[in-house]
Amino acid sequence: LLETEIASGRLSAEREHLELLLSAWTAAREFSRAIG
């Protein structure tokens, strides 16, 4: 959800949102996405 909303521009790619996205991908064990 967060990745889609950032890509669409509805949410900005600011630090707070990226850190939340990092937390989500890390918790989901989606390490390649988290590394990006």
Full PDB file with SEQRES, HELIX, SHEET, SSBOND, CRYST1, ORIGX, SCALE, CONECT and MASTER records, all heavy atoms in Angstrom:
SEQRES   1 A   36  LEU LEU GLU THR GLU ILE ALA SER GLY ARG LEU SER ALA          
SEQRES   2 A   36  GLU ARG GLU HIS LEU GLU LEU LEU LEU SER ALA TRP THR          
SEQRES   3 A   36  ALA ALA ARG GLU PHE SER ARG ALA ILE GLY                      
HELIX    1 AA1 LEU A    2  SER A    8  1                                   7    
HELIX    2 AA2 ARG A   15  ALA A   27  1                                  13    
HELIX    3 AA3 PHE A   31  ILE A   35  1                                   5    
CRYST1    1.000    1.000    1.000  90.00  90.00  90.00 P 1           1          
ORIGX1      1.000000  0.000000  0.000000        0.00000                         
ORIGX2      0.000000  1.000000  0.000000        0.00000                         
ORIGX3      0.000000  0.000000  1.000000        0.00000                         
SCALE1      1.000000  0.000000  0.000000        0.00000                         
SCALE2      0.000000  1.000000  0.000000        0.00000                         
SCALE3      0.000000  0.000000  1.000000        0.00000                         
ATOM      1  N   LEU A   1       0.837  -1.204   0.000  1.00  0.00           N  
ATOM      2  CA  LEU A   1       0.000   0.000   0.000  1.00  0.00           C  
ATOM      3  C   LEU A   1       0.870   1.252   0.000  1.00  0.00           C  
ATOM      4  O   LEU A   1       0.679   2.151  -0.824  1.00  0.00           O  
ATOM      5  CB  LEU A   1      -0.940   0.003   1.213  1.00  0.00           C  
ATOM      6  CG  LEU A   1      -1.780   1.259   1.408  1.00  0.00           C  
ATOM      7  CD1 LEU A   1      -2.711   1.494   0.223  1.00  0.00           C  
ATOM      8  CD2 LEU A   1      -2.573   1.159   2.706  1.00  0.00           C  
ATOM      9  N   LEU A   2       1.826   1.288   0.883  1.00  0.00           N  
ATOM     10  CA  LEU A   2       2.677   2.476   0.994  1.00  0.00           C  
ATOM     11  C   LEU A   2       3.512   2.669  -0.269  1.00  0.00           C  
ATOM     12  O   LEU A   2       3.630   3.789  -0.772  1.00  0.00           O  
ATOM     13  CB  LEU A   2       3.567   2.355   2.233  1.00  0.00           C  
ATOM     14  CG  LEU A   2       4.351   3.582   2.659  1.00  0.00           C  
ATOM     15  CD1 LEU A   2       3.458   4.817   2.764  1.00  0.00           C  
ATOM     16  CD2 LEU A   2       5.033   3.310   3.994  1.00  0.00           C  
ATOM     17  N   GLU A   3       4.058   1.607  -0.788  1.00  0.00           N  
ATOM     18  CA  GLU A   3       4.847   1.693  -2.021  1.00  0.00           C  
ATOM     19  C   GLU A   3       3.991   2.223  -3.177  1.00  0.00           C  
ATOM     20  O   GLU A   3       4.428   3.101  -3.934  1.00  0.00           O  
ATOM     21  CB  GLU A   3       5.402   0.308  -2.361  1.00  0.00           C  
ATOM     22  CG  GLU A   3       6.299   0.277  -3.579  1.00  0.00           C  
ATOM     23  CD  GLU A   3       6.840  -1.114  -3.812  1.00  0.00           C  
ATOM     24  OE1 GLU A   3       6.062  -1.991  -4.260  1.00  0.00           O  
ATOM     25  OE2 GLU A   3       8.031  -1.332  -3.538  1.00  0.00           O  
ATOM     26  N   THR A   4       2.788   1.716  -3.297  1.00  0.00           N  
ATOM     27  CA  THR A   4       1.875   2.155  -4.359  1.00  0.00           C  
ATOM     28  C   THR A   4       1.518   3.630  -4.205  1.00  0.00           C  
ATOM     29  O   THR A   4       1.523   4.389  -5.182  1.00  0.00           O  
ATOM     30  CB  THR A   4       0.582   1.304  -4.334  1.00  0.00           C  
ATOM     31  OG1 THR A   4       0.943  -0.058  -4.560  1.00  0.00           O  
ATOM     32  CG2 THR A   4      -0.404   1.760  -5.387  1.00  0.00           C  
ATOM     33  N   GLU A   5       1.240   4.049  -2.983  1.00  0.00           N  
ATOM     34  CA  GLU A   5       0.830   5.437  -2.742  1.00  0.00           C  
ATOM     35  C   GLU A   5       1.989   6.415  -2.946  1.00  0.00           C  
ATOM     36  O   GLU A   5       1.779   7.526  -3.434  1.00  0.00           O  
ATOM     37  CB  GLU A   5       0.225   5.581  -1.345  1.00  0.00           C  
ATOM     38  CG  GLU A   5      -1.064   4.788  -1.153  1.00  0.00           C  
ATOM     39  CD  GLU A   5      -2.134   5.114  -2.188  1.00  0.00           C  
ATOM     40  OE1 GLU A   5      -2.304   6.294  -2.552  1.00  0.00           O  
ATOM     41  OE2 GLU A   5      -2.807   4.175  -2.647  1.00  0.00           O  
ATOM     42  N   ILE A   6       3.204   6.002  -2.610  1.00  0.00           N  
ATOM     43  CA  ILE A   6       4.361   6.860  -2.878  1.00  0.00           C  
ATOM     44  C   ILE A   6       4.606   6.948  -4.379  1.00  0.00           C  
ATOM     45  O   ILE A   6       4.838   8.032  -4.922  1.00  0.00           O  
ATOM     46  CB  ILE A   6       5.616   6.351  -2.122  1.00  0.00           C  
ATOM     47  CG1 ILE A   6       5.452   6.597  -0.616  1.00  0.00           C  
ATOM     48  CG2 ILE A   6       6.875   7.033  -2.638  1.00  0.00           C  
ATOM     49  CD1 ILE A   6       6.541   5.953   0.245  1.00  0.00           C  
ATOM     50  N   ALA A   7       4.504   5.811  -5.062  1.00  0.00           N  
ATOM     51  CA  ALA A   7       4.716   5.794  -6.520  1.00  0.00           C  
ATOM     52  C   ALA A   7       3.668   6.640  -7.246  1.00  0.00           C  
ATOM     53  O   ALA A   7       3.978   7.293  -8.253  1.00  0.00           O  
ATOM     54  CB  ALA A   7       4.684   4.358  -7.037  1.00  0.00           C  
ATOM     55  N   SER A   8       2.444   6.652  -6.734  1.00  0.00           N  
ATOM     56  CA  SER A   8       1.374   7.420  -7.385  1.00  0.00           C  
ATOM     57  C   SER A   8       1.479   8.918  -7.093  1.00  0.00           C  
ATOM     58  O   SER A   8       0.844   9.722  -7.756  1.00  0.00           O  
ATOM     59  CB  SER A   8       0.008   6.922  -6.917  1.00  0.00           C  
ATOM     60  OG  SER A   8      -0.247   7.348  -5.588  1.00  0.00           O  
ATOM     61  N   GLY A   9       2.255   9.274  -6.060  1.00  0.00           N  
ATOM     62  CA  GLY A   9       2.376  10.673  -5.681  1.00  0.00           C  
ATOM     63  C   GLY A   9       1.371  11.126  -4.645  1.00  0.00           C  
ATOM     64  O   GLY A   9       1.388  12.278  -4.217  1.00  0.00           O  
ATOM     65  N   ARG A  10       0.454  10.219  -4.249  1.00  0.00           N  
ATOM     66  CA  ARG A  10      -0.507  10.598  -3.207  1.00  0.00           C  
ATOM     67  C   ARG A  10       0.185  10.766  -1.860  1.00  0.00           C  
ATOM     68  O   ARG A  10      -0.289  11.512  -1.011  1.00  0.00           O  
ATOM     69  CB  ARG A  10      -1.640   9.581  -3.124  1.00  0.00           C  
ATOM     70  CG  ARG A  10      -2.650   9.730  -4.268  1.00  0.00           C  
ATOM     71  CD  ARG A  10      -3.850   8.828  -4.094  1.00  0.00           C  
ATOM     72  NE  ARG A  10      -3.546   7.429  -4.344  1.00  0.00           N  
ATOM     73  CZ  ARG A  10      -3.573   6.847  -5.542  1.00  0.00           C  
ATOM     74  NH1 ARG A  10      -3.883   7.564  -6.605  1.00  0.00           N  
ATOM     75  NH2 ARG A  10      -3.303   5.576  -5.678  1.00  0.00           N  
ATOM     76  N   LEU A  11       1.298  10.066  -1.667  1.00  0.00           N  
ATOM     77  CA  LEU A  11       2.146  10.263  -0.492  1.00  0.00           C  
ATOM     78  C   LEU A  11       3.532  10.652  -0.983  1.00  0.00           C  
ATOM     79  O   LEU A  11       4.016  10.106  -1.974  1.00  0.00           O  
ATOM     80  CB  LEU A  11       2.245   8.990   0.362  1.00  0.00           C  
ATOM     81  CG  LEU A  11       1.014   8.616   1.169  1.00  0.00           C  
ATOM     82  CD1 LEU A  11       1.214   7.272   1.845  1.00  0.00           C  
ATOM     83  CD2 LEU A  11       0.697   9.675   2.210  1.00  0.00           C  
ATOM     84  N   SER A  12       4.154  11.584  -0.303  1.00  0.00           N  
ATOM     85  CA  SER A  12       5.480  12.030  -0.705  1.00  0.00           C  
ATOM     86  C   SER A  12       6.538  11.008  -0.278  1.00  0.00           C  
ATOM     87  O   SER A  12       6.329  10.230   0.650  1.00  0.00           O  
ATOM     88  CB  SER A  12       5.791  13.394  -0.080  1.00  0.00           C  
ATOM     89  OG  SER A  12       5.820  13.269   1.329  1.00  0.00           O  
ATOM     90  N   ALA A  13       7.662  11.050  -0.955  1.00  0.00           N  
ATOM     91  CA  ALA A  13       8.778  10.153  -0.635  1.00  0.00           C  
ATOM     92  C   ALA A  13       9.670  10.808   0.415  1.00  0.00           C  
ATOM     93  O   ALA A  13      10.891  10.804   0.300  1.00  0.00           O  
ATOM     94  CB  ALA A  13       9.560   9.822  -1.899  1.00  0.00           C  
ATOM     95  N   GLU A  14       9.054  11.345   1.454  1.00  0.00           N  
ATOM     96  CA  GLU A  14       9.832  11.984   2.515  1.00  0.00           C  
ATOM     97  C   GLU A  14      10.357  10.923   3.474  1.00  0.00           C  
ATOM     98  O   GLU A  14       9.905   9.779   3.482  1.00  0.00           O  
ATOM     99  CB  GLU A  14       8.983  13.022   3.252  1.00  0.00           C  
ATOM    100  CG  GLU A  14       7.802  12.438   4.007  1.00  0.00           C  
ATOM    101  CD  GLU A  14       6.898  13.517   4.573  1.00  0.00           C  
ATOM    102  OE1 GLU A  14       6.344  14.313   3.796  1.00  0.00           O  
ATOM    103  OE2 GLU A  14       6.771  13.548   5.811  1.00  0.00           O  
ATOM    104  N   ARG A  15      11.308  11.344   4.279  1.00  0.00           N  
ATOM    105  CA  ARG A  15      12.012  10.431   5.191  1.00  0.00           C  
ATOM    106  C   ARG A  15      11.044   9.615   6.061  1.00  0.00           C  
ATOM    107  O   ARG A  15      11.210   8.407   6.197  1.00  0.00           O  
ATOM    108  CB  ARG A  15      12.985  11.227   6.058  1.00  0.00           C  
ATOM    109  CG  ARG A  15      13.757  10.359   7.004  1.00  0.00           C  
ATOM    110  CD  ARG A  15      14.649  11.190   7.918  1.00  0.00           C  
ATOM    111  NE  ARG A  15      15.886  10.475   8.056  1.00  0.00           N  
ATOM    112  CZ  ARG A  15      17.077  10.965   7.832  1.00  0.00           C  
ATOM    113  NH1 ARG A  15      17.226  12.201   7.468  1.00  0.00           N  
ATOM    114  NH2 ARG A  15      18.144  10.216   7.982  1.00  0.00           N  
ATOM    115  N   GLU A  16      10.061  10.256   6.672  1.00  0.00           N  
ATOM    116  CA  GLU A  16       9.130   9.561   7.565  1.00  0.00           C  
ATOM    117  C   GLU A  16       8.404   8.423   6.837  1.00  0.00           C  
ATOM    118  O   GLU A  16       8.263   7.325   7.368  1.00  0.00           O  
ATOM    119  CB  GLU A  16       8.115  10.549   8.132  1.00  0.00           C  
ATOM    120  CG  GLU A  16       7.074   9.896   9.026  1.00  0.00           C  
ATOM    121  CD  GLU A  16       5.979  10.860   9.456  1.00  0.00           C  
ATOM    122  OE1 GLU A  16       6.109  12.078   9.248  1.00  0.00           O  
ATOM    123  OE2 GLU A  16       4.989  10.373  10.011  1.00  0.00           O  
ATOM    124  N   HIS A  17       7.961   8.695   5.611  1.00  0.00           N  
ATOM    125  CA  HIS A  17       7.237   7.674   4.852  1.00  0.00           C  
ATOM    126  C   HIS A  17       8.174   6.558   4.406  1.00  0.00           C  
ATOM    127  O   HIS A  17       7.795   5.375   4.418  1.00  0.00           O  
ATOM    128  CB  HIS A  17       6.545   8.306   3.640  1.00  0.00           C  
ATOM    129  CG  HIS A  17       5.558   9.352   4.025  1.00  0.00           C  
ATOM    130  ND1 HIS A  17       5.171  10.351   3.150  1.00  0.00           N  
ATOM    131  CD2 HIS A  17       4.872   9.587   5.171  1.00  0.00           C  
ATOM    132  CE1 HIS A  17       4.291  11.140   3.748  1.00  0.00           C  
ATOM    133  NE2 HIS A  17       4.105  10.688   4.976  1.00  0.00           N  
ATOM    134  N   LEU A  18       9.388   6.927   4.011  1.00  0.00           N  
ATOM    135  CA  LEU A  18      10.358   5.910   3.596  1.00  0.00           C  
ATOM    136  C   LEU A  18      10.771   5.025   4.773  1.00  0.00           C  
ATOM    137  O   LEU A  18      10.950   3.813   4.611  1.00  0.00           O  
ATOM    138  CB  LEU A  18      11.579   6.563   2.952  1.00  0.00           C  
ATOM    139  CG  LEU A  18      11.335   7.250   1.605  1.00  0.00           C  
ATOM    140  CD1 LEU A  18      12.586   7.981   1.149  1.00  0.00           C  
ATOM    141  CD2 LEU A  18      10.874   6.235   0.555  1.00  0.00           C  
ATOM    142  N   GLU A  19      10.907   5.611   5.964  1.00  0.00           N  
ATOM    143  CA  GLU A  19      11.238   4.800   7.139  1.00  0.00           C  
ATOM    144  C   GLU A  19      10.104   3.831   7.485  1.00  0.00           C  
ATOM    145  O   GLU A  19      10.356   2.691   7.876  1.00  0.00           O  
ATOM    146  CB  GLU A  19      11.582   5.695   8.324  1.00  0.00           C  
ATOM    147  CG  GLU A  19      12.945   6.333   8.174  1.00  0.00           C  
ATOM    148  CD  GLU A  19      13.312   7.281   9.301  1.00  0.00           C  
ATOM    149  OE1 GLU A  19      12.439   7.623  10.129  1.00  0.00           O  
ATOM    150  OE2 GLU A  19      14.487   7.671   9.340  1.00  0.00           O  
ATOM    151  N   LEU A  20       8.884   4.283   7.314  1.00  0.00           N  
ATOM    152  CA  LEU A  20       7.735   3.403   7.534  1.00  0.00           C  
ATOM    153  C   LEU A  20       7.737   2.267   6.505  1.00  0.00           C  
ATOM    154  O   LEU A  20       7.489   1.104   6.849  1.00  0.00           O  
ATOM    155  CB  LEU A  20       6.441   4.221   7.458  1.00  0.00           C  
ATOM    156  CG  LEU A  20       5.148   3.530   7.859  1.00  0.00           C  
ATOM    157  CD1 LEU A  20       5.211   3.029   9.301  1.00  0.00           C  
ATOM    158  CD2 LEU A  20       3.982   4.511   7.699  1.00  0.00           C  
ATOM    159  N   LEU A  21       8.043   2.603   5.266  1.00  0.00           N  
ATOM    160  CA  LEU A  21       8.123   1.591   4.208  1.00  0.00           C  
ATOM    161  C   LEU A  21       9.252   0.602   4.502  1.00  0.00           C  
ATOM    162  O   LEU A  21       9.086  -0.608   4.331  1.00  0.00           O  
ATOM    163  CB  LEU A  21       8.327   2.268   2.850  1.00  0.00           C  
ATOM    164  CG  LEU A  21       8.371   1.356   1.627  1.00  0.00           C  
ATOM    165  CD1 LEU A  21       7.087   0.532   1.510  1.00  0.00           C  
ATOM    166  CD2 LEU A  21       8.589   2.193   0.368  1.00  0.00           C  
ATOM    167  N   LEU A  22      10.374   1.101   4.956  1.00  0.00           N  
ATOM    168  CA  LEU A  22      11.489   0.233   5.329  1.00  0.00           C  
ATOM    169  C   LEU A  22      11.071  -0.727   6.442  1.00  0.00           C  
ATOM    170  O   LEU A  22      11.365  -1.925   6.387  1.00  0.00           O  
ATOM    171  CB  LEU A  22      12.693   1.068   5.759  1.00  0.00           C  
ATOM    172  CG  LEU A  22      13.892   0.303   6.307  1.00  0.00           C  
ATOM    173  CD1 LEU A  22      14.436  -0.689   5.287  1.00  0.00           C  
ATOM    174  CD2 LEU A  22      14.972   1.287   6.740  1.00  0.00           C  
ATOM    175  N   SER A  23      10.367  -0.217   7.434  1.00  0.00           N  
ATOM    176  CA  SER A  23       9.885  -1.071   8.526  1.00  0.00           C  
ATOM    177  C   SER A  23       8.953  -2.160   8.002  1.00  0.00           C  
ATOM    178  O   SER A  23       9.048  -3.317   8.425  1.00  0.00           O  
ATOM    179  CB  SER A  23       9.147  -0.240   9.569  1.00  0.00           C  
ATOM    180  OG  SER A  23      10.018   0.652  10.196  1.00  0.00           O  
ATOM    181  N   ALA A  24       8.079  -1.783   7.101  1.00  0.00           N  
ATOM    182  CA  ALA A  24       7.130  -2.763   6.553  1.00  0.00           C  
ATOM    183  C   ALA A  24       7.860  -3.853   5.778  1.00  0.00           C  
ATOM    184  O   ALA A  24       7.624  -5.048   5.985  1.00  0.00           O  
ATOM    185  CB  ALA A  24       6.112  -2.058   5.650  1.00  0.00           C  
ATOM    186  N   TRP A  25       8.757  -3.457   4.882  1.00  0.00           N  
ATOM    187  CA  TRP A  25       9.462  -4.460   4.077  1.00  0.00           C  
ATOM    188  C   TRP A  25      10.377  -5.325   4.935  1.00  0.00           C  
ATOM    189  O   TRP A  25      10.509  -6.526   4.688  1.00  0.00           O  
ATOM    190  CB  TRP A  25      10.244  -3.805   2.950  1.00  0.00           C  
ATOM    191  CG  TRP A  25       9.420  -3.264   1.818  1.00  0.00           C  
ATOM    192  CD1 TRP A  25       9.658  -2.114   1.120  1.00  0.00           C  
ATOM    193  CD2 TRP A  25       8.246  -3.831   1.212  1.00  0.00           C  
ATOM    194  NE1 TRP A  25       8.700  -1.936   0.152  1.00  0.00           N  
ATOM    195  CE2 TRP A  25       7.824  -2.980   0.182  1.00  0.00           C  
ATOM    196  CE3 TRP A  25       7.501  -4.985   1.469  1.00  0.00           C  
ATOM    197  CZ2 TRP A  25       6.701  -3.243  -0.599  1.00  0.00           C  
ATOM    198  CZ3 TRP A  25       6.369  -5.249   0.683  1.00  0.00           C  
ATOM    199  CH2 TRP A  25       5.994  -4.378  -0.331  1.00  0.00           C  
ATOM    200  N   THR A  26      10.984  -4.741   5.941  1.00  0.00           N  
ATOM    201  CA  THR A  26      11.847  -5.530   6.819  1.00  0.00           C  
ATOM    202  C   THR A  26      11.014  -6.534   7.610  1.00  0.00           C  
ATOM    203  O   THR A  26      11.378  -7.708   7.710  1.00  0.00           O  
ATOM    204  CB  THR A  26      12.646  -4.608   7.762  1.00  0.00           C  
ATOM    205  OG1 THR A  26      13.418  -3.693   6.978  1.00  0.00           O  
ATOM    206  CG2 THR A  26      13.592  -5.410   8.634  1.00  0.00           C  
ATOM    207  N   ALA A  27       9.895  -6.087   8.153  1.00  0.00           N  
ATOM    208  CA  ALA A  27       9.023  -6.989   8.914  1.00  0.00           C  
ATOM    209  C   ALA A  27       8.459  -8.092   8.028  1.00  0.00           C  
ATOM    210  O   ALA A  27       8.261  -9.220   8.482  1.00  0.00           O  
ATOM    211  CB  ALA A  27       7.888  -6.201   9.567  1.00  0.00           C  
ATOM    212  N   ALA A  28       8.227  -7.780   6.774  1.00  0.00           N  
ATOM    213  CA  ALA A  28       7.707  -8.770   5.820  1.00  0.00           C  
ATOM    214  C   ALA A  28       8.815  -9.666   5.269  1.00  0.00           C  
ATOM    215  O   ALA A  28       8.536 -10.576   4.485  1.00  0.00           O  
ATOM    216  CB  ALA A  28       6.990  -8.064   4.672  1.00  0.00           C  
ATOM    217  N   ARG A  29      10.053  -9.399   5.678  1.00  0.00           N  
ATOM    218  CA  ARG A  29      11.238 -10.124   5.205  1.00  0.00           C  
ATOM    219  C   ARG A  29      11.407  -9.999   3.688  1.00  0.00           C  
ATOM    220  O   ARG A  29      11.910 -10.893   3.027  1.00  0.00           O  
ATOM    221  CB  ARG A  29      11.221 -11.576   5.676  1.00  0.00           C  
ATOM    222  CG  ARG A  29      11.183 -11.673   7.202  1.00  0.00           C  
ATOM    223  CD  ARG A  29      11.449 -13.011   7.785  1.00  0.00           C  
ATOM    224  NE  ARG A  29      12.712 -13.622   7.481  1.00  0.00           N  
ATOM    225  CZ  ARG A  29      13.890 -13.326   8.047  1.00  0.00           C  
ATOM    226  NH1 ARG A  29      13.955 -12.382   8.957  1.00  0.00           N  
ATOM    227  NH2 ARG A  29      14.980 -13.964   7.711  1.00  0.00           N  
ATOM    228  N   GLU A  30      11.002  -8.863   3.169  1.00  0.00           N  
ATOM    229  CA  GLU A  30      11.191  -8.513   1.761  1.00  0.00           C  
ATOM    230  C   GLU A  30      12.480  -7.704   1.681  1.00  0.00           C  
ATOM    231  O   GLU A  30      12.473  -6.482   1.485  1.00  0.00           O  
ATOM    232  CB  GLU A  30       9.993  -7.704   1.247  1.00  0.00           C  
ATOM    233  CG  GLU A  30       8.720  -8.497   1.129  1.00  0.00           C  
ATOM    234  CD  GLU A  30       8.723  -9.437  -0.076  1.00  0.00           C  
ATOM    235  OE1 GLU A  30       9.392  -9.127  -1.087  1.00  0.00           O  
ATOM    236  OE2 GLU A  30       8.053 -10.479   0.011  1.00  0.00           O  
ATOM    237  N   PHE A  31      13.606  -8.394   1.873  1.00  0.00           N  
ATOM    238  CA  PHE A  31      14.882  -7.711   2.044  1.00  0.00           C  
ATOM    239  C   PHE A  31      15.337  -6.951   0.802  1.00  0.00           C  
ATOM    240  O   PHE A  31      15.915  -5.881   0.909  1.00  0.00           O  
ATOM    241  CB  PHE A  31      15.954  -8.689   2.520  1.00  0.00           C  
ATOM    242  CG  PHE A  31      15.657  -9.281   3.868  1.00  0.00           C  
ATOM    243  CD1 PHE A  31      15.842 -10.622   4.103  1.00  0.00           C  
ATOM    244  CD2 PHE A  31      15.173  -8.493   4.905  1.00  0.00           C  
ATOM    245  CE1 PHE A  31      15.566 -11.175   5.350  1.00  0.00           C  
ATOM    246  CE2 PHE A  31      14.889  -9.031   6.146  1.00  0.00           C  
ATOM    247  CZ  PHE A  31      15.088 -10.383   6.364  1.00  0.00           C  
ATOM    248  N   SER A  32      15.080  -7.480  -0.374  1.00  0.00           N  
ATOM    249  CA  SER A  32      15.476  -6.758  -1.593  1.00  0.00           C  
ATOM    250  C   SER A  32      14.747  -5.423  -1.692  1.00  0.00           C  
ATOM    251  O   SER A  32      15.347  -4.405  -2.043  1.00  0.00           O  
ATOM    252  CB  SER A  32      15.198  -7.602  -2.835  1.00  0.00           C  
ATOM    253  OG  SER A  32      16.002  -8.756  -2.825  1.00  0.00           O  
ATOM    254  N   ARG A  33      13.465  -5.438  -1.379  1.00  0.00           N  
ATOM    255  CA  ARG A  33      12.697  -4.192  -1.395  1.00  0.00           C  
ATOM    256  C   ARG A  33      13.176  -3.247  -0.297  1.00  0.00           C  
ATOM    257  O   ARG A  33      13.272  -2.035  -0.505  1.00  0.00           O  
ATOM    258  CB  ARG A  33      11.211  -4.479  -1.229  1.00  0.00           C  
ATOM    259  CG  ARG A  33      10.593  -5.074  -2.466  1.00  0.00           C  
ATOM    260  CD  ARG A  33       9.156  -5.421  -2.229  1.00  0.00           C  
ATOM    261  NE  ARG A  33       8.448  -5.469  -3.502  1.00  0.00           N  
ATOM    262  CZ  ARG A  33       7.237  -5.929  -3.633  1.00  0.00           C  
ATOM    263  NH1 ARG A  33       6.561  -6.363  -2.577  1.00  0.00           N  
ATOM    264  NH2 ARG A  33       6.657  -5.949  -4.813  1.00  0.00           N  
ATOM    265  N   ALA A  34      13.464  -3.793   0.885  1.00  0.00           N  
ATOM    266  CA  ALA A  34      13.948  -2.971   1.994  1.00  0.00           C  
ATOM    267  C   ALA A  34      15.275  -2.318   1.631  1.00  0.00           C  
ATOM    268  O   ALA A  34      15.500  -1.140   1.937  1.00  0.00           O  
ATOM    269  CB  ALA A  34      14.100  -3.823   3.262  1.00  0.00           C  
ATOM    270  N   ILE A  35      16.138  -3.053   0.957  1.00  0.00           N  
ATOM    271  CA  ILE A  35      17.441  -2.509   0.566  1.00  0.00           C  
ATOM    272  C   ILE A  35      17.270  -1.345  -0.406  1.00  0.00           C  
ATOM    273  O   ILE A  35      17.969  -0.340  -0.312  1.00  0.00           O  
ATOM    274  CB  ILE A  35      18.337  -3.624  -0.011  1.00  0.00           C  
ATOM    275  CG1 ILE A  35      18.785  -4.543   1.138  1.00  0.00           C  
ATOM    276  CG2 ILE A  35      19.535  -3.048  -0.752  1.00  0.00           C  
ATOM    277  CD1 ILE A  35      19.409  -5.849   0.693  1.00  0.00           C  
ATOM    278  N   GLY A  36      16.307  -1.449  -1.313  1.00  0.00           N  
ATOM    279  CA  GLY A  36      16.028  -0.335  -2.226  1.00  0.00           C  
ATOM    280  C   GLY A  36      15.605   0.917  -1.480  1.00  0.00           C  
ATOM    281  O   GLY A  36      16.023   2.030  -1.806  1.00  0.00           O  
TER     282      GLY A  36                                                      
MASTER        0    0    0    3    0    0    0    6  281    1    0    3          
END                                                                             
